N, C-alpha and C. Protein backbone atom coordinates (compact mmCIF):
# COMPACT_ATOMS: atom_id res chain seq x y z
N MET A 1 -12.65 79.91 142.24
CA MET A 1 -11.42 79.17 142.32
C MET A 1 -10.24 80.10 142.62
N ARG A 2 -10.33 81.34 142.12
CA ARG A 2 -9.25 82.30 142.37
C ARG A 2 -9.09 82.56 143.86
N LEU A 3 -10.22 82.66 144.58
CA LEU A 3 -10.17 82.87 146.02
C LEU A 3 -9.52 81.67 146.70
N ILE A 4 -9.89 80.47 146.27
CA ILE A 4 -9.29 79.26 146.84
C ILE A 4 -7.79 79.27 146.58
N LEU A 5 -7.40 79.64 145.38
CA LEU A 5 -5.98 79.72 145.04
C LEU A 5 -5.29 80.73 145.94
N ALA A 6 -5.89 81.88 146.12
CA ALA A 6 -5.29 82.92 146.97
C ALA A 6 -5.14 82.42 148.40
N VAL A 7 -6.17 81.74 148.90
CA VAL A 7 -6.13 81.24 150.27
C VAL A 7 -4.97 80.28 150.44
N PHE A 8 -4.80 79.35 149.52
CA PHE A 8 -3.77 78.36 149.73
C PHE A 8 -2.38 78.84 149.35
N LEU A 9 -2.28 79.82 148.52
CA LEU A 9 -0.96 80.42 148.31
C LEU A 9 -0.55 81.23 149.52
N MET A 10 -1.54 81.66 150.29
CA MET A 10 -1.25 82.43 151.49
C MET A 10 -0.91 81.54 152.67
N LEU A 11 -1.04 80.25 152.52
CA LEU A 11 -0.88 79.35 153.64
C LEU A 11 0.54 79.17 154.12
N SER A 12 1.49 79.52 153.34
CA SER A 12 2.86 79.29 153.74
C SER A 12 3.27 80.21 154.88
N GLY A 13 4.41 79.91 155.50
CA GLY A 13 4.82 80.56 156.74
C GLY A 13 4.71 82.07 156.80
N TYR A 14 4.41 82.55 157.98
CA TYR A 14 4.29 83.97 158.23
C TYR A 14 5.08 84.34 159.47
N ALA A 15 5.45 85.58 159.58
CA ALA A 15 6.03 86.11 160.82
C ALA A 15 4.92 86.82 161.58
N TYR A 16 4.94 86.75 162.89
CA TYR A 16 3.87 87.27 163.71
C TYR A 16 3.61 88.76 163.47
N ALA A 17 4.65 89.52 163.20
CA ALA A 17 4.51 90.98 163.07
C ALA A 17 3.44 91.40 162.07
N GLY A 18 3.24 90.65 160.99
CA GLY A 18 2.30 91.04 159.97
C GLY A 18 0.89 90.50 160.17
N CYS A 19 0.70 89.60 161.11
CA CYS A 19 -0.60 88.94 161.26
C CYS A 19 -1.73 89.90 161.63
N ALA A 20 -1.46 90.87 162.45
CA ALA A 20 -2.50 91.78 162.94
C ALA A 20 -3.09 92.62 161.82
N ASN A 21 -2.36 92.80 160.73
CA ASN A 21 -2.83 93.63 159.62
C ASN A 21 -3.67 92.87 158.60
N ILE A 22 -3.90 91.59 158.82
CA ILE A 22 -4.67 90.76 157.89
C ILE A 22 -6.15 90.87 158.26
N SER A 23 -6.96 91.37 157.35
CA SER A 23 -8.36 91.63 157.66
C SER A 23 -9.20 90.35 157.72
N ASP A 24 -8.89 89.34 156.93
CA ASP A 24 -9.64 88.09 156.94
C ASP A 24 -9.30 87.33 158.22
N SER A 25 -10.31 87.06 159.05
CA SER A 25 -10.06 86.46 160.37
C SER A 25 -9.46 85.06 160.27
N ASP A 26 -9.90 84.25 159.31
CA ASP A 26 -9.31 82.92 159.16
C ASP A 26 -7.84 83.01 158.78
N GLN A 27 -7.51 83.90 157.85
CA GLN A 27 -6.11 84.06 157.45
C GLN A 27 -5.27 84.63 158.60
N ARG A 28 -5.85 85.55 159.36
CA ARG A 28 -5.15 86.12 160.51
C ARG A 28 -4.89 85.04 161.56
N ASN A 29 -5.91 84.22 161.84
CA ASN A 29 -5.74 83.13 162.81
C ASN A 29 -4.73 82.10 162.32
N TYR A 30 -4.75 81.83 161.02
CA TYR A 30 -3.77 80.91 160.44
C TYR A 30 -2.36 81.46 160.60
N CYS A 31 -2.19 82.73 160.29
CA CYS A 31 -0.91 83.39 160.42
C CYS A 31 -0.41 83.30 161.86
N ASN A 32 -1.28 83.59 162.80
CA ASN A 32 -0.89 83.51 164.21
C ASN A 32 -0.51 82.09 164.60
N ALA A 33 -1.27 81.10 164.14
CA ALA A 33 -0.96 79.70 164.46
C ALA A 33 0.38 79.29 163.87
N LYS A 34 0.63 79.69 162.63
CA LYS A 34 1.90 79.33 161.98
C LYS A 34 3.09 79.97 162.68
N SER A 35 2.90 81.11 163.30
CA SER A 35 3.99 81.80 163.98
C SER A 35 4.08 81.43 165.46
N GLY A 36 3.24 80.49 165.90
CA GLY A 36 3.28 80.03 167.28
C GLY A 36 2.56 80.92 168.27
N ASN A 37 1.70 81.81 167.76
CA ASN A 37 0.99 82.74 168.62
C ASN A 37 -0.52 82.53 168.59
N GLY A 38 -0.93 81.32 168.34
CA GLY A 38 -2.35 81.02 168.28
C GLY A 38 -2.57 79.57 167.95
N SER A 39 -3.83 79.24 167.73
CA SER A 39 -4.23 77.87 167.48
C SER A 39 -4.97 77.75 166.16
N CYS A 40 -4.84 76.62 165.51
CA CYS A 40 -5.59 76.35 164.29
C CYS A 40 -7.08 76.18 164.58
N ALA A 41 -7.42 75.86 165.81
CA ALA A 41 -8.81 75.59 166.18
C ALA A 41 -9.73 76.78 165.96
N SER A 42 -9.19 77.99 165.97
CA SER A 42 -10.02 79.17 165.80
C SER A 42 -10.31 79.51 164.34
N ILE A 43 -9.83 78.68 163.40
CA ILE A 43 -10.06 78.89 161.97
C ILE A 43 -11.39 78.26 161.59
N ASN A 44 -12.31 79.04 161.05
CA ASN A 44 -13.64 78.54 160.70
C ASN A 44 -13.64 77.67 159.45
N ASN A 45 -12.88 78.04 158.41
CA ASN A 45 -12.85 77.27 157.17
C ASN A 45 -12.16 75.93 157.42
N SER A 46 -12.89 74.84 157.21
CA SER A 46 -12.37 73.52 157.58
C SER A 46 -11.14 73.12 156.77
N ASP A 47 -11.11 73.44 155.47
CA ASP A 47 -9.93 73.09 154.68
C ASP A 47 -8.69 73.85 155.17
N LEU A 48 -8.86 75.13 155.46
CA LEU A 48 -7.75 75.93 155.97
C LEU A 48 -7.32 75.44 157.34
N ARG A 49 -8.29 75.11 158.20
CA ARG A 49 -7.98 74.59 159.54
C ARG A 49 -7.21 73.27 159.43
N ASN A 50 -7.66 72.38 158.53
CA ASN A 50 -6.98 71.10 158.36
C ASN A 50 -5.57 71.27 157.81
N ALA A 51 -5.39 72.21 156.87
CA ALA A 51 -4.06 72.49 156.35
C ALA A 51 -3.16 73.05 157.46
N CYS A 52 -3.71 73.93 158.27
CA CYS A 52 -2.98 74.51 159.40
C CYS A 52 -2.53 73.40 160.35
N ASN A 53 -3.45 72.50 160.69
CA ASN A 53 -3.11 71.39 161.58
C ASN A 53 -2.00 70.53 160.97
N ALA A 54 -2.08 70.27 159.67
CA ALA A 54 -1.07 69.45 159.01
C ALA A 54 0.29 70.14 159.02
N GLU A 55 0.29 71.43 158.74
CA GLU A 55 1.56 72.16 158.63
C GLU A 55 2.19 72.47 159.99
N THR A 56 1.37 72.61 161.02
CA THR A 56 1.91 72.93 162.34
C THR A 56 2.05 71.69 163.21
N GLY A 57 1.47 70.57 162.78
CA GLY A 57 1.53 69.35 163.58
C GLY A 57 0.69 69.42 164.83
N SER A 58 -0.38 70.21 164.78
CA SER A 58 -1.24 70.36 165.95
C SER A 58 -2.67 69.94 165.63
N GLY A 59 -3.46 69.80 166.65
CA GLY A 59 -4.88 69.55 166.48
C GLY A 59 -5.22 68.19 165.91
N SER A 60 -6.47 68.04 165.57
CA SER A 60 -6.99 66.81 164.99
C SER A 60 -6.39 66.59 163.61
N GLY A 61 -5.89 65.41 163.34
CA GLY A 61 -5.31 65.11 162.04
C GLY A 61 -3.97 65.78 161.83
N SER A 62 -3.24 66.07 162.91
CA SER A 62 -1.97 66.77 162.79
C SER A 62 -1.01 65.98 161.91
N GLY A 63 -0.31 66.70 161.05
CA GLY A 63 0.65 66.09 160.15
C GLY A 63 0.04 65.44 158.93
N SER A 64 -1.28 65.53 158.77
CA SER A 64 -1.96 64.91 157.65
C SER A 64 -2.86 65.90 156.93
N CYS A 65 -2.83 65.83 155.61
CA CYS A 65 -3.68 66.69 154.79
C CYS A 65 -4.93 65.95 154.34
N ALA A 66 -5.11 64.72 154.79
CA ALA A 66 -6.18 63.84 154.30
C ALA A 66 -7.58 64.40 154.49
N ASN A 67 -7.78 65.26 155.50
CA ASN A 67 -9.12 65.77 155.78
C ASN A 67 -9.48 67.01 154.97
N ILE A 68 -8.61 67.44 154.07
CA ILE A 68 -8.90 68.59 153.23
C ILE A 68 -9.78 68.12 152.07
N ASN A 69 -10.96 68.72 151.93
CA ASN A 69 -11.92 68.28 150.93
C ASN A 69 -11.51 68.59 149.50
N ASP A 70 -11.00 69.78 149.25
CA ASP A 70 -10.62 70.19 147.91
C ASP A 70 -9.35 69.45 147.49
N SER A 71 -9.42 68.71 146.38
CA SER A 71 -8.28 67.88 145.98
C SER A 71 -7.04 68.69 145.64
N ASP A 72 -7.19 69.85 145.00
CA ASP A 72 -6.02 70.69 144.70
C ASP A 72 -5.36 71.17 145.99
N GLN A 73 -6.19 71.60 146.93
CA GLN A 73 -5.66 72.08 148.20
C GLN A 73 -5.00 70.95 148.97
N ARG A 74 -5.60 69.75 148.93
CA ARG A 74 -5.04 68.59 149.61
C ARG A 74 -3.68 68.23 149.01
N ASN A 75 -3.59 68.23 147.66
CA ASN A 75 -2.32 67.90 147.00
C ASN A 75 -1.26 68.96 147.28
N TYR A 76 -1.66 70.23 147.31
CA TYR A 76 -0.73 71.32 147.63
C TYR A 76 -0.21 71.17 149.06
N CYS A 77 -1.11 70.89 149.99
CA CYS A 77 -0.74 70.68 151.38
C CYS A 77 0.25 69.52 151.50
N ASN A 78 -0.06 68.40 150.85
CA ASN A 78 0.84 67.24 150.90
C ASN A 78 2.21 67.57 150.34
N ALA A 79 2.26 68.32 149.25
CA ALA A 79 3.55 68.70 148.67
C ALA A 79 4.34 69.57 149.64
N LYS A 80 3.64 70.49 150.32
CA LYS A 80 4.32 71.40 151.24
C LYS A 80 4.90 70.68 152.46
N ILE A 81 4.25 69.59 152.90
CA ILE A 81 4.77 68.88 154.06
C ILE A 81 5.61 67.67 153.65
N GLY A 82 5.89 67.56 152.35
CA GLY A 82 6.80 66.51 151.87
C GLY A 82 6.17 65.16 151.65
N ASN A 83 4.85 65.10 151.51
CA ASN A 83 4.16 63.83 151.31
C ASN A 83 3.58 63.69 149.91
N GLY A 84 4.16 64.34 148.95
CA GLY A 84 3.67 64.23 147.58
C GLY A 84 4.24 65.32 146.72
N GLY A 85 3.88 65.27 145.45
CA GLY A 85 4.35 66.27 144.51
C GLY A 85 3.23 67.19 144.06
N CYS A 86 3.55 68.03 143.12
CA CYS A 86 2.61 69.04 142.64
C CYS A 86 1.87 68.63 141.37
N ALA A 87 2.29 67.54 140.75
CA ALA A 87 1.77 67.16 139.44
C ALA A 87 0.26 66.92 139.41
N ASN A 88 -0.32 66.49 140.52
CA ASN A 88 -1.75 66.19 140.55
C ASN A 88 -2.63 67.39 140.84
N ILE A 89 -2.06 68.59 140.93
CA ILE A 89 -2.84 69.80 141.16
C ILE A 89 -3.38 70.27 139.82
N ASN A 90 -4.69 70.34 139.69
CA ASN A 90 -5.32 70.71 138.42
C ASN A 90 -5.21 72.19 138.09
N ASN A 91 -5.34 73.07 139.11
CA ASN A 91 -5.27 74.50 138.86
C ASN A 91 -3.83 74.87 138.50
N SER A 92 -3.65 75.41 137.30
CA SER A 92 -2.29 75.64 136.81
C SER A 92 -1.52 76.67 137.64
N ASP A 93 -2.17 77.74 138.10
CA ASP A 93 -1.46 78.72 138.92
C ASP A 93 -0.99 78.10 140.23
N LEU A 94 -1.86 77.32 140.87
CA LEU A 94 -1.49 76.68 142.12
C LEU A 94 -0.39 75.64 141.89
N ARG A 95 -0.50 74.88 140.81
CA ARG A 95 0.53 73.89 140.47
C ARG A 95 1.88 74.56 140.23
N ASN A 96 1.87 75.68 139.47
CA ASN A 96 3.11 76.40 139.20
C ASN A 96 3.72 76.98 140.47
N ALA A 97 2.87 77.51 141.35
CA ALA A 97 3.37 78.02 142.63
C ALA A 97 3.96 76.89 143.47
N CYS A 98 3.27 75.76 143.48
CA CYS A 98 3.74 74.58 144.22
C CYS A 98 5.11 74.15 143.71
N ASN A 99 5.24 74.07 142.38
CA ASN A 99 6.53 73.68 141.79
C ASN A 99 7.63 74.67 142.17
N ALA A 100 7.32 75.95 142.14
CA ALA A 100 8.31 76.97 142.49
C ALA A 100 8.72 76.86 143.96
N GLU A 101 7.73 76.67 144.84
CA GLU A 101 8.00 76.62 146.27
C GLU A 101 8.72 75.36 146.70
N THR A 102 8.41 74.25 146.06
CA THR A 102 9.00 72.98 146.47
C THR A 102 10.20 72.58 145.62
N GLY A 103 10.42 73.29 144.51
CA GLY A 103 11.54 72.97 143.63
C GLY A 103 11.33 71.70 142.84
N SER A 104 10.07 71.35 142.60
CA SER A 104 9.78 70.12 141.86
C SER A 104 9.06 70.43 140.56
N GLY A 105 8.95 69.46 139.70
CA GLY A 105 8.17 69.59 138.47
C GLY A 105 8.79 70.49 137.43
N SER A 106 8.06 70.66 136.35
CA SER A 106 8.55 71.53 135.28
C SER A 106 8.44 72.98 135.73
N GLY A 107 9.43 73.75 135.41
CA GLY A 107 9.45 75.14 135.84
C GLY A 107 9.76 75.29 137.31
N SER A 108 10.39 74.27 137.90
CA SER A 108 10.67 74.33 139.33
C SER A 108 11.56 75.53 139.65
N GLY A 109 11.24 76.17 140.74
CA GLY A 109 12.00 77.33 141.17
C GLY A 109 11.59 78.62 140.49
N SER A 110 10.59 78.56 139.61
CA SER A 110 10.16 79.76 138.88
C SER A 110 8.67 79.99 139.03
N CYS A 111 8.32 81.25 139.21
CA CYS A 111 6.91 81.65 139.33
C CYS A 111 6.39 82.26 138.04
N ALA A 112 7.22 82.28 137.02
CA ALA A 112 6.92 83.00 135.78
C ALA A 112 5.64 82.54 135.09
N ASN A 113 5.25 81.30 135.26
CA ASN A 113 4.08 80.77 134.57
C ASN A 113 2.77 80.98 135.32
N ILE A 114 2.79 81.71 136.43
CA ILE A 114 1.57 82.00 137.19
C ILE A 114 0.89 83.18 136.52
N ASN A 115 -0.35 82.98 136.08
CA ASN A 115 -1.07 84.01 135.34
C ASN A 115 -1.49 85.21 136.18
N ASP A 116 -1.97 84.97 137.39
CA ASP A 116 -2.44 86.04 138.25
C ASP A 116 -1.24 86.84 138.76
N SER A 117 -1.20 88.14 138.48
CA SER A 117 -0.02 88.95 138.81
C SER A 117 0.24 89.03 140.32
N ASP A 118 -0.81 89.17 141.14
CA ASP A 118 -0.61 89.21 142.59
C ASP A 118 0.00 87.90 143.08
N GLN A 119 -0.54 86.79 142.59
CA GLN A 119 -0.03 85.48 143.00
C GLN A 119 1.41 85.27 142.51
N ARG A 120 1.70 85.73 141.30
CA ARG A 120 3.06 85.63 140.75
C ARG A 120 4.04 86.45 141.60
N ASN A 121 3.64 87.68 141.95
CA ASN A 121 4.50 88.52 142.79
C ASN A 121 4.69 87.93 144.18
N TYR A 122 3.62 87.37 144.73
CA TYR A 122 3.70 86.72 146.04
C TYR A 122 4.64 85.52 145.99
N CYS A 123 4.48 84.70 144.98
CA CYS A 123 5.32 83.53 144.79
C CYS A 123 6.79 83.94 144.68
N ASN A 124 7.07 84.94 143.85
CA ASN A 124 8.45 85.41 143.69
C ASN A 124 9.02 85.90 145.01
N ALA A 125 8.23 86.62 145.80
CA ALA A 125 8.70 87.10 147.09
C ALA A 125 9.00 85.93 148.03
N LYS A 126 8.13 84.90 148.00
CA LYS A 126 8.31 83.75 148.87
C LYS A 126 9.60 82.99 148.57
N ILE A 127 9.97 82.94 147.30
CA ILE A 127 11.18 82.18 146.96
C ILE A 127 12.41 83.09 146.85
N GLY A 128 12.25 84.36 147.25
CA GLY A 128 13.37 85.27 147.31
C GLY A 128 13.73 85.97 146.01
N ASN A 129 12.79 86.01 145.06
CA ASN A 129 13.07 86.63 143.77
C ASN A 129 12.26 87.90 143.53
N GLY A 130 11.83 88.56 144.57
CA GLY A 130 11.05 89.78 144.38
C GLY A 130 10.59 90.36 145.70
N SER A 131 9.82 91.43 145.59
CA SER A 131 9.31 92.10 146.78
C SER A 131 7.79 92.01 146.81
N CYS A 132 7.23 92.49 147.88
CA CYS A 132 5.78 92.48 148.07
C CYS A 132 5.12 93.76 147.56
N ALA A 133 5.90 94.74 147.21
CA ALA A 133 5.38 96.07 146.89
C ALA A 133 4.39 96.09 145.74
N ASN A 134 4.51 95.19 144.79
CA ASN A 134 3.65 95.20 143.61
C ASN A 134 2.37 94.38 143.77
N ILE A 135 2.10 93.87 144.96
CA ILE A 135 0.89 93.08 145.19
C ILE A 135 -0.26 94.03 145.50
N SER A 136 -1.31 93.96 144.70
CA SER A 136 -2.45 94.87 144.85
C SER A 136 -3.35 94.51 146.02
N ASN A 137 -3.60 93.21 146.24
CA ASN A 137 -4.49 92.77 147.30
C ASN A 137 -3.83 93.03 148.66
N SER A 138 -4.48 93.82 149.51
CA SER A 138 -3.85 94.24 150.76
C SER A 138 -3.60 93.08 151.72
N ASP A 139 -4.52 92.12 151.84
CA ASP A 139 -4.29 90.97 152.72
C ASP A 139 -3.09 90.17 152.24
N LEU A 140 -3.02 89.92 150.94
CA LEU A 140 -1.91 89.15 150.40
C LEU A 140 -0.60 89.92 150.57
N ARG A 141 -0.64 91.22 150.36
CA ARG A 141 0.56 92.04 150.55
C ARG A 141 1.01 92.02 152.01
N ASN A 142 0.05 92.13 152.96
CA ASN A 142 0.40 92.07 154.39
C ASN A 142 1.01 90.73 154.76
N GLN A 143 0.45 89.65 154.23
CA GLN A 143 1.00 88.33 154.50
C GLN A 143 2.39 88.20 153.89
N CYS A 144 2.55 88.74 152.71
CA CYS A 144 3.85 88.73 152.05
C CYS A 144 4.86 89.52 152.88
N ASP A 145 4.45 90.71 153.32
CA ASP A 145 5.34 91.53 154.15
C ASP A 145 5.75 90.79 155.42
N SER A 146 4.83 90.03 155.99
CA SER A 146 5.16 89.31 157.21
C SER A 146 6.21 88.22 156.95
N LEU A 147 6.27 87.72 155.73
CA LEU A 147 7.30 86.74 155.37
C LEU A 147 8.69 87.38 155.38
N LYS A 148 8.74 88.62 155.05
CA LYS A 148 10.00 89.32 154.88
C LYS A 148 10.59 89.85 156.19
N ARG A 149 9.82 89.79 157.27
CA ARG A 149 10.29 90.34 158.56
C ARG A 149 11.11 89.33 159.30
């Protein structure tokens, strides 16, 4: 579940400059698609591809998170595109990140309740309350750095 959480916390916008440094090919392709330098079609993981299509408005099911199999990921995707809230996300770290990113729910605007330190640091950087320097996972740190460019 931690990997799933990491994947979907990484789904938010990226700048192209950092995409090349992401070792995971699906995450790199997602980063490129989000920055307008690639397509969601090249993403092998179907949930990630469907989230990419929903967030970029491209491909099959564009603008919809309905085809995402994992319910937490589907609810997170819907919240990010403005079609729902974070309350139905069962994973507490993902729910807390969702609340911080969307400004909804209890603890909105704060990443303090995220247990995983890398995810907490990433969340804080995304909402402008921290840097990427303390993130141990190199892919997550590269994605975080790309947000800051």
